[in-house]
C-alpha atoms as a PDB file:
ATOM      1  CA  MET A   1     142.154  97.648 120.313  1.00  0.00           C
ATOM      2  CA  THR A   2     141.319  99.341 116.926  1.00  0.00           C
ATOM      3  CA  GLN A   3     139.604  97.423 114.236  1.00  0.00           C
ATOM      4  CA  GLY A   4     142.347  96.929 112.099  1.00  0.00           C
ATOM      5  CA  MET A   5     144.462  95.341 114.918  1.00  0.00           C
ATOM      6  CA  ASP A   6     141.561  92.946 115.539  1.00  0.00           C
ATOM      7  CA  TRP A   7     141.338  91.694 112.445  1.00  0.00           C
ATOM      8  CA  THR A   8     145.191  91.134 112.215  1.00  0.00           C
ATOM      9  CA  ARG A   9     144.700  89.632 115.485  1.00  0.00           C
ATOM     10  CA  ALA A  10     142.232  87.180 114.259  1.00  0.00           C
ATOM     11  CA  ALA A  11     143.794  86.601 110.956  1.00  0.00           C
ATOM     12  CA  PHE A  12     147.311  85.479 112.449  1.00  0.00           C
ATOM     13  CA  LYS A  13     145.489  83.066 114.815  1.00  0.00           C
ATOM     14  CA  ASP A  14     143.402  81.515 111.968  1.00  0.00           C
ATOM     15  CA  ARG A  15     146.616  81.234 109.990  1.00  0.00           C
ATOM     16  CA  THR A  16     149.028  80.125 113.061  1.00  0.00           C
ATOM     17  CA  GLY A  17     146.769  78.832 115.981  1.00  0.00           C
ATOM     18  CA  ALA A  18     148.520  81.159 117.956  1.00  0.00           C
ATOM     19  CA  ASP A  19     147.036  83.976 119.995  1.00  0.00           C
ATOM     20  CA  VAL A  20     148.565  87.589 120.421  1.00  0.00           C
ATOM     21  CA  ASP A  21     148.898  89.653 123.142  1.00  0.00           C
ATOM     22  CA  TYR A  22     148.076  93.266 122.138  1.00  0.00           C
ATOM     23  CA  VAL A  23     150.067  96.017 124.056  1.00  0.00           C
ATOM     24  CA  ASP A  24     148.752  99.665 123.065  1.00  0.00           C
ATOM     25  CA  GLY A  25     150.230 103.024 123.553  1.00  0.00           C
ATOM     26  CA  ARG A  26     149.375 106.267 123.295  1.00  0.00           C
ATOM     27  CA  ALA A  27     149.898 108.334 120.169  1.00  0.00           C
ATOM     28  CA  GLY A  28     153.117 110.191 119.305  1.00  0.00           C
ATOM     29  CA  GLY A  29     155.772 107.686 120.712  1.00  0.00           C
ATOM     30  CA  GLY A  30     153.674 105.853 123.726  1.00  0.00           C
ATOM     31  CA  LEU A  31     154.310 102.385 121.981  1.00  0.00           C
ATOM     32  CA  ASN A  32     157.718 102.768 121.511  1.00  0.00           C
ATOM     33  CA  GLU A  33     158.176 103.880 125.379  1.00  0.00           C
ATOM     34  CA  LYS A  34     155.994 100.672 126.204  1.00  0.00           C
ATOM     35  CA  PHE A  35     158.619  98.816 123.713  1.00  0.00           C
ATOM     36  CA  LEU A  36     161.584 100.304 125.259  1.00  0.00           C
ATOM     37  CA  ALA A  37     160.396  99.637 128.830  1.00  0.00           C
ATOM     38  CA  MET A  38     159.608  96.102 128.029  1.00  0.00           C
ATOM     39  CA  SER A  39     162.823  95.520 126.053  1.00  0.00           C
ATOM     40  CA  GLY A  40     165.002  97.032 129.162  1.00  0.00           C
ATOM     41  CA  ALA A  41     163.096  94.921 131.493  1.00  0.00           C
ATOM     42  CA  GLY A  42     164.421  91.693 129.581  1.00  0.00           C
ATOM     43  CA  THR A  43     160.894  90.845 128.345  1.00  0.00           C
ATOM     44  CA  PRO A  44     160.815  92.171 124.764  1.00  0.00           C
ATOM     45  CA  PRO A  45     157.839  91.316 122.640  1.00  0.00           C
ATOM     46  CA  ASP A  46     158.403  88.866 120.072  1.00  0.00           C
ATOM     47  CA  VAL A  47     156.901  91.158 117.113  1.00  0.00           C
ATOM     48  CA  SER A  48     156.210  95.005 117.314  1.00  0.00           C
ATOM     49  CA  PHE A  49     154.354  97.259 114.848  1.00  0.00           C
ATOM     50  CA  MET A  50     156.112 100.279 115.177  1.00  0.00           C
ATOM     51  CA  SER A  51     156.946 103.510 113.046  1.00  0.00           C
ATOM     52  CA  VAL A  52     159.501 103.682 110.461  1.00  0.00           C
ATOM     53  CA  VAL A  53     160.897 106.937 112.195  1.00  0.00           C
ATOM     54  CA  ILE A  54     161.727 104.807 115.459  1.00  0.00           C
ATOM     55  CA  GLY A  55     162.811 101.240 113.824  1.00  0.00           C
ATOM     56  CA  ARG A  56     166.504 102.512 112.642  1.00  0.00           C
ATOM     57  CA  ASP A  57     166.944 103.859 115.848  1.00  0.00           C
ATOM     58  CA  ASP A  58     165.936 100.983 117.962  1.00  0.00           C
ATOM     59  CA  TYR A  59     167.856  98.838 115.789  1.00  0.00           C
ATOM     60  CA  ASP A  60     171.060 100.553 116.204  1.00  0.00           C
ATOM     61  CA  ALA A  61     170.536 100.550 120.045  1.00  0.00           C
ATOM     62  CA  GLY A  62     170.221  96.828 119.551  1.00  0.00           C
ATOM     63  CA  LEU A  63     166.439  96.361 120.027  1.00  0.00           C
ATOM     64  CA  LEU A  64     165.718  94.701 117.205  1.00  0.00           C
ATOM     65  CA  LYS A  65     166.912  91.597 115.529  1.00  0.00           C
ATOM     66  CA  ASN A  66     168.767  91.160 112.178  1.00  0.00           C
ATOM     67  CA  LEU A  67     165.813  89.656 110.208  1.00  0.00           C
ATOM     68  CA  SER A  68     167.819  88.408 107.264  1.00  0.00           C
ATOM     69  CA  PRO A  69     168.607  84.761 108.190  1.00  0.00           C
ATOM     70  CA  TYR A  70     164.815  84.320 108.391  1.00  0.00           C
ATOM     71  CA  ILE A  71     163.911  86.443 105.156  1.00  0.00           C
ATOM     72  CA  ALA A  72     166.360  84.103 103.330  1.00  0.00           C
ATOM     73  CA  LYS A  73     163.882  81.115 104.184  1.00  0.00           C
ATOM     74  CA  THR A  74     160.991  83.317 103.079  1.00  0.00           C
ATOM     75  CA  PRO A  75     161.400  84.753  99.433  1.00  0.00           C
ATOM     76  CA  ASP A  76     157.989  86.149  99.491  1.00  0.00           C
ATOM     77  CA  LEU A  77     159.551  88.898 102.168  1.00  0.00           C
ATOM     78  CA  GLY A  78     162.659  89.485 100.200  1.00  0.00           C
ATOM     79  CA  ASP A  79     164.106  93.083  98.694  1.00  0.00           C
ATOM     80  CA  LYS A  80     162.343  92.591  95.463  1.00  0.00           C
ATOM     81  CA  GLU A  81     159.077  92.330  96.896  1.00  0.00           C
ATOM     82  CA  PHE A  82     159.142  95.930  97.932  1.00  0.00           C
ATOM     83  CA  PHE A  83     159.990  99.311  96.815  1.00  0.00           C
ATOM     84  CA  ASP A  84     163.663 100.190  96.681  1.00  0.00           C
ATOM     85  CA  SER A  85     162.981 103.433  98.581  1.00  0.00           C
ATOM     86  CA  SER A  86     161.566 101.599 101.447  1.00  0.00           C
ATOM     87  CA  LYS A  87     164.836  99.914 101.935  1.00  0.00           C
ATOM     88  CA  LYS A  88     166.409 102.651 104.203  1.00  0.00           C
ATOM     89  CA  PHE A  89     163.202 102.352 106.535  1.00  0.00           C
ATOM     90  CA  ARG A  90     163.789  98.618 107.051  1.00  0.00           C
ATOM     91  CA  ALA A  91     167.607  97.821 106.776  1.00  0.00           C
ATOM     92  CA  LYS A  92     170.833  98.872 107.554  1.00  0.00           C
ATOM     93  CA  GLY A  93     173.450  97.832 104.893  1.00  0.00           C
ATOM     94  CA  ASN A  94     172.466  93.918 104.152  1.00  0.00           C
ATOM     95  CA  GLU A  95     170.830  93.729 107.450  1.00  0.00           C
ATOM     96  CA  THR A  96     167.291  93.673 107.561  1.00  0.00           C
ATOM     97  CA  PHE A  97     165.287  94.638 110.706  1.00  0.00           C
ATOM     98  CA  GLY A  98     161.936  95.442 109.511  1.00  0.00           C
ATOM     99  CA  ILE A  99     159.200  94.221 107.143  1.00  0.00           C
ATOM    100  CA  PRO A 100     156.635  96.600 105.542  1.00  0.00           C
ATOM    101  CA  THR A 101     153.327  96.001 106.730  1.00  0.00           C
ATOM    102  CA  MET A 102     151.270  99.097 105.147  1.00  0.00           C
ATOM    103  CA  GLY A 103     151.905 102.507 103.162  1.00  0.00           C
ATOM    104  CA  PRO A 104     153.444 102.558  99.981  1.00  0.00           C
ATOM    105  CA  GLU A 105     155.914  99.759 100.530  1.00  0.00           C
ATOM    106  CA  SER A 106     152.806  97.278 100.946  1.00  0.00           C
ATOM    107  CA  LEU A 107     150.972  95.110  98.180  1.00  0.00           C
ATOM    108  CA  GLY A 108     147.874  96.671  98.111  1.00  0.00           C
ATOM    109  CA  PHE A 109     146.912 100.174  95.870  1.00  0.00           C
ATOM    110  CA  ILE A 110     143.701 101.919  95.255  1.00  0.00           C
ATOM    111  CA  ILE A 111     143.142 102.893  91.590  1.00  0.00           C
ATOM    112  CA  ASN A 112     141.282 105.376  89.482  1.00  0.00           C
ATOM    113  CA  SER A 113     139.612 103.457  87.090  1.00  0.00           C
ATOM    114  CA  GLY A 114     138.641 106.476  85.048  1.00  0.00           C
ATOM    115  CA  LEU A 115     142.213 107.153  84.394  1.00  0.00           C
ATOM    116  CA  PHE A 116     143.255 103.720  83.782  1.00  0.00           C
ATOM    117  CA  SER A 117     140.475 103.011  81.178  1.00  0.00           C
ATOM    118  CA  ALA A 118     141.575 106.799  79.627  1.00  0.00           C
ATOM    119  CA  VAL A 119     145.018 105.348  78.753  1.00  0.00           C
ATOM    120  CA  GLY A 120     143.975 101.913  77.790  1.00  0.00           C
ATOM    121  CA  LEU A 121     144.685  99.781  80.999  1.00  0.00           C
ATOM    122  CA  ASP A 122     142.256  97.568  82.484  1.00  0.00           C
ATOM    123  CA  PRO A 123     140.062  99.621  84.722  1.00  0.00           C
ATOM    124  CA  GLN A 124     140.457  97.293  87.968  1.00  0.00           C
ATOM    125  CA  GLY A 125     144.161  97.074  87.632  1.00  0.00           C
ATOM    126  CA  LYS A 126     143.793  93.556  86.612  1.00  0.00           C
ATOM    127  CA  ASP A 127     146.676  93.533  84.097  1.00  0.00           C
ATOM    128  CA  ILE A 128     149.168  94.865  86.397  1.00  0.00           C
ATOM    129  CA  LYS A 129     150.907  91.812  88.033  1.00  0.00           C
ATOM    130  CA  THR A 130     154.412  92.613  88.236  1.00  0.00           C
ATOM    131  CA  TRP A 131     156.430  95.589  89.283  1.00  0.00           C
ATOM    132  CA  ASP A 132     157.377  95.936  85.717  1.00  0.00           C
ATOM    133  CA  ASP A 133     153.467  95.970  84.816  1.00  0.00           C
ATOM    134  CA  PHE A 134     153.510  98.566  87.885  1.00  0.00           C
ATOM    135  CA  THR A 135     156.363 100.825  86.422  1.00  0.00           C
ATOM    136  CA  LYS A 136     154.738 100.647  82.625  1.00  0.00           C
ATOM    137  CA  ALA A 137     151.116 101.742  84.133  1.00  0.00           C
ATOM    138  CA  ALA A 138     152.703 104.679  86.044  1.00  0.00           C
ATOM    139  CA  GLN A 139     154.531 105.708  82.735  1.00  0.00           C
ATOM    140  CA  LYS A 140     151.368 105.720  80.868  1.00  0.00           C
ATOM    141  CA  LEU A 141     149.603 107.595  83.498  1.00  0.00           C
ATOM    142  CA  THR A 142     152.012 110.601  83.759  1.00  0.00           C
ATOM    143  CA  LYS A 143     151.914 113.198  81.469  1.00  0.00           C
ATOM    144  CA  GLY A 144     154.319 116.115  81.453  1.00  0.00           C
ATOM    145  CA  SER A 145     156.779 118.303  79.743  1.00  0.00           C
ATOM    146  CA  GLY A 146     160.092 118.898  81.437  1.00  0.00           C
ATOM    147  CA  ASP A 147     159.843 119.806  85.107  1.00  0.00           C
ATOM    148  CA  ALA A 148     155.899 120.219  84.680  1.00  0.00           C
ATOM    149  CA  THR A 149     153.686 117.156  85.385  1.00  0.00           C
ATOM    150  CA  SER A 150     150.216 117.575  84.638  1.00  0.00           C
ATOM    151  CA  ARG A 151     149.053 114.406  85.812  1.00  0.00           C
ATOM    152  CA  SER A 152     150.370 111.552  87.605  1.00  0.00           C
ATOM    153  CA  ALA A 153     149.576 107.948  89.178  1.00  0.00           C
ATOM    154  CA  SER A 154     151.546 106.024  91.282  1.00  0.00           C
ATOM    155  CA  TRP A 155     149.305 103.703  92.944  1.00  0.00           C
ATOM    156  CA  PRO A 156     147.806 100.945  90.591  1.00  0.00           C
ATOM    157  CA  ALA A 157     145.997  98.082  92.010  1.00  0.00           C
ATOM    158  CA  ILE A 158     148.139  94.971  92.782  1.00  0.00           C
ATOM    159  CA  SER A 159     146.066  91.952  93.752  1.00  0.00           C
ATOM    160  CA  THR A 160     146.792  90.548  97.228  1.00  0.00           C
ATOM    161  CA  SER A 161     145.596  87.511  99.382  1.00  0.00           C
ATOM    162  CA  ALA A 162     143.414  89.985 101.551  1.00  0.00           C
ATOM    163  CA  GLY A 163     140.940  90.495  98.639  1.00  0.00           C
ATOM    164  CA  SER A 164     139.639  93.966  97.275  1.00  0.00           C
ATOM    165  CA  PRO A 165     138.686  96.927  99.272  1.00  0.00           C
ATOM    166  CA  PRO A 166     135.133  97.042 100.631  1.00  0.00           C
ATOM    167  CA  GLY A 167     132.528  97.730  97.835  1.00  0.00           C
ATOM    168  CA  CYS A 168     135.040  96.836  95.173  1.00  0.00           C
ATOM    169  CA  THR A 169     134.000  93.461  92.838  1.00  0.00           C
ATOM    170  CA  ALA A 170     134.440  92.441  89.479  1.00  0.00           C
ATOM    171  CA  THR A 171     131.381  94.038  88.304  1.00  0.00           C
ATOM    172  CA  THR A 172     131.662  97.341  90.414  1.00  0.00           C
ATOM    173  CA  PRO A 173     135.136  99.044  89.940  1.00  0.00           C
ATOM    174  CA  CYS A 174     136.703 100.661  92.878  1.00  0.00           C
END
Protein backbone atom coordinates (compact mmCIF):
# COMPACT_ATOMS: atom_id res chain seq x y z
CA MET A 1 0.00 0.00 0.00
CA THR A 2 1.32 3.45 -0.83
CA GLN A 3 2.17 6.00 1.84
CA GLY A 4 -0.77 8.20 0.73
CA MET A 5 -3.22 5.33 0.99
CA ASP A 6 -1.83 4.41 4.43
CA TRP A 7 -2.56 7.98 5.56
CA THR A 8 -6.05 7.91 4.03
CA ARG A 9 -6.89 4.60 5.70
CA ALA A 10 -5.63 5.82 9.11
CA ALA A 11 -7.43 9.18 8.82
CA PHE A 12 -10.70 7.47 7.87
CA LYS A 13 -10.42 5.08 10.81
CA ASP A 14 -9.66 7.98 13.19
CA ARG A 15 -12.70 9.92 11.96
CA THR A 16 -15.21 7.07 11.68
CA GLY A 17 -13.88 4.13 13.70
CA ALA A 18 -14.29 1.93 10.60
CA ASP A 19 -11.41 -0.05 9.13
CA VAL A 20 -10.84 -0.25 5.40
CA ASP A 21 -9.81 -3.30 3.39
CA TYR A 22 -7.47 -1.98 0.73
CA VAL A 23 -7.54 -3.71 -2.68
CA ASP A 24 -4.64 -2.83 -4.95
CA GLY A 25 -4.35 -3.27 -8.71
CA ARG A 26 -1.61 -3.05 -11.27
CA ALA A 27 -0.99 0.26 -13.01
CA GLY A 28 -2.82 0.89 -16.26
CA GLY A 29 -6.28 -0.40 -15.37
CA GLY A 30 -5.60 -3.28 -12.98
CA LEU A 31 -7.70 -1.73 -10.23
CA ASN A 32 -10.66 -1.36 -12.57
CA GLU A 33 -10.27 -5.02 -13.61
CA LYS A 34 -10.57 -5.97 -9.92
CA PHE A 35 -13.51 -3.58 -9.48
CA LEU A 36 -15.30 -5.17 -12.46
CA ALA A 37 -14.57 -8.70 -11.20
CA MET A 38 -15.79 -7.90 -7.67
CA SER A 39 -18.93 -6.22 -9.04
CA GLY A 40 -19.61 -9.09 -11.44
CA ALA A 41 -19.28 -11.59 -8.58
CA GLY A 42 -21.88 -9.68 -6.58
CA THR A 43 -19.38 -8.39 -4.01
CA PRO A 44 -18.70 -4.81 -5.14
CA PRO A 45 -16.66 -2.52 -2.89
CA ASP A 46 -18.53 0.04 -0.81
CA VAL A 47 -16.15 2.76 -2.03
CA SER A 48 -13.70 2.86 -4.90
CA PHE A 49 -10.93 5.26 -5.87
CA MET A 50 -10.77 5.27 -9.65
CA SER A 51 -9.63 7.31 -12.59
CA VAL A 52 -12.00 9.87 -14.07
CA VAL A 53 -11.42 8.09 -17.38
CA ILE A 54 -13.13 4.94 -16.05
CA GLY A 55 -15.82 6.39 -13.78
CA ARG A 56 -18.30 7.43 -16.46
CA ASP A 57 -18.09 4.07 -18.24
CA ASP A 58 -18.66 2.22 -14.97
CA TYR A 59 -21.63 4.48 -14.14
CA ASP A 60 -23.17 3.96 -17.58
CA ALA A 61 -22.74 0.19 -17.08
CA GLY A 62 -24.74 0.40 -13.83
CA LEU A 63 -21.74 -0.36 -11.60
CA LEU A 64 -21.71 2.96 -9.72
CA LYS A 65 -24.53 4.37 -7.64
CA ASN A 66 -26.12 7.81 -8.06
CA LEU A 67 -24.71 9.72 -5.07
CA SER A 68 -26.97 12.77 -5.48
CA PRO A 69 -29.35 11.88 -2.59
CA TYR A 70 -26.36 11.53 -0.24
CA ILE A 71 -24.67 14.68 -1.49
CA ALA A 72 -27.91 16.61 -0.92
CA LYS A 73 -27.49 15.80 2.80
CA THR A 74 -23.83 16.90 2.75
CA PRO A 75 -23.57 20.38 1.17
CA ASP A 76 -19.75 20.36 1.45
CA LEU A 77 -19.79 17.82 -1.41
CA GLY A 78 -22.15 19.83 -3.63
CA ASP A 79 -21.39 21.12 -7.10
CA LYS A 80 -20.51 24.63 -5.90
CA GLU A 81 -17.52 23.20 -4.01
CA PHE A 82 -15.76 21.99 -7.18
CA PHE A 83 -14.66 23.45 -10.48
CA ASP A 84 -17.42 23.35 -13.10
CA SER A 85 -14.98 21.62 -15.47
CA SER A 86 -14.83 18.60 -13.14
CA LYS A 87 -18.56 17.88 -13.52
CA LYS A 88 -18.14 16.01 -16.81
CA PHE A 89 -15.91 13.51 -14.98
CA ARG A 90 -18.19 12.97 -11.98
CA ALA A 91 -21.78 13.46 -13.13
CA LYS A 92 -24.25 12.56 -15.85
CA GLY A 93 -26.99 15.17 -16.11
CA ASN A 94 -28.15 15.81 -12.55
CA GLU A 95 -26.86 12.46 -11.27
CA THR A 96 -23.51 12.52 -9.50
CA PHE A 97 -21.53 9.28 -9.44
CA GLY A 98 -18.12 10.54 -8.28
CA ILE A 99 -16.60 12.91 -5.75
CA PRO A 100 -13.30 14.60 -6.63
CA THR A 101 -10.54 13.71 -4.20
CA MET A 102 -7.37 15.01 -5.84
CA GLY A 103 -6.09 17.05 -8.75
CA PRO A 104 -7.50 20.36 -9.92
CA GLU A 105 -10.94 19.46 -8.66
CA SER A 106 -9.67 19.24 -5.07
CA LEU A 107 -9.40 22.02 -2.53
CA GLY A 108 -5.64 22.26 -2.00
CA PHE A 109 -3.24 24.18 -4.23
CA ILE A 110 0.42 25.17 -4.14
CA ILE A 111 1.35 28.78 -4.87
CA ASN A 112 4.39 30.76 -5.97
CA SER A 113 4.82 33.23 -3.08
CA GLY A 114 6.96 35.56 -5.19
CA LEU A 115 4.29 35.91 -7.89
CA PHE A 116 1.61 36.50 -5.28
CA SER A 117 3.65 39.24 -3.57
CA ALA A 118 4.46 40.88 -6.91
CA VAL A 119 0.76 41.50 -7.63
CA GLY A 120 -0.17 42.54 -4.09
CA LEU A 121 -1.60 39.24 -2.87
CA ASP A 122 -0.74 37.61 0.45
CA PRO A 123 2.37 35.48 -0.26
CA GLN A 124 0.80 32.50 1.52
CA GLY A 125 -2.58 32.81 -0.21
CA LYS A 126 -4.39 33.68 3.03
CA ASP A 127 -6.59 36.25 1.29
CA ILE A 128 -8.10 33.52 -0.93
CA LYS A 129 -11.05 32.06 0.94
CA THR A 130 -13.73 31.69 -1.76
CA TRP A 131 -13.92 30.73 -5.42
CA ASP A 132 -14.51 34.42 -6.21
CA ASP A 133 -11.24 35.26 -4.42
CA PHE A 134 -9.58 32.46 -6.41
CA THR A 135 -10.86 33.93 -9.69
CA LYS A 136 -9.73 37.47 -8.79
CA ALA A 137 -6.25 36.20 -7.86
CA ALA A 138 -5.97 34.23 -11.10
CA GLN A 139 -6.97 37.36 -13.05
CA LYS A 140 -4.30 39.41 -11.24
CA LEU A 141 -1.70 36.77 -11.99
CA THR A 142 -2.53 36.48 -15.68
CA LYS A 143 -0.84 38.89 -18.05
CA GLY A 144 -1.29 39.01 -21.77
CA SER A 145 -2.55 40.67 -24.87
CA GLY A 146 -4.96 39.10 -27.34
CA ASP A 147 -4.21 35.38 -27.64
CA ALA A 148 -0.71 35.72 -26.14
CA THR A 149 -0.39 35.07 -22.41
CA SER A 150 2.99 35.95 -20.96
CA ARG A 151 2.37 34.75 -17.40
CA SER A 152 -0.50 32.82 -15.98
CA ALA A 153 -1.31 31.22 -12.65
CA SER A 154 -4.24 29.03 -11.76
CA TRP A 155 -3.28 27.22 -8.57
CA PRO A 156 -3.61 29.60 -5.60
CA ALA A 157 -3.66 28.09 -2.12
CA ILE A 158 -6.93 27.47 -0.37
CA SER A 159 -6.78 26.39 3.27
CA THR A 160 -8.01 22.88 3.98
CA SER A 161 -8.58 20.86 7.12
CA ALA A 162 -5.67 18.65 6.06
CA GLY A 163 -3.20 21.44 6.87
CA SER A 164 -0.26 22.81 4.90
CA PRO A 165 2.15 20.95 2.63
CA PRO A 166 5.36 19.70 4.34
CA GLY A 167 7.80 22.51 5.14
CA CYS A 168 5.19 25.28 4.91
CA THR A 169 4.52 27.28 8.05
CA ALA A 170 3.28 30.74 8.96
CA THR A 171 6.88 32.01 8.92
CA THR A 172 8.18 29.86 6.05
CA PRO A 173 6.08 30.37 2.91
CA CYS A 174 5.78 27.49 0.49
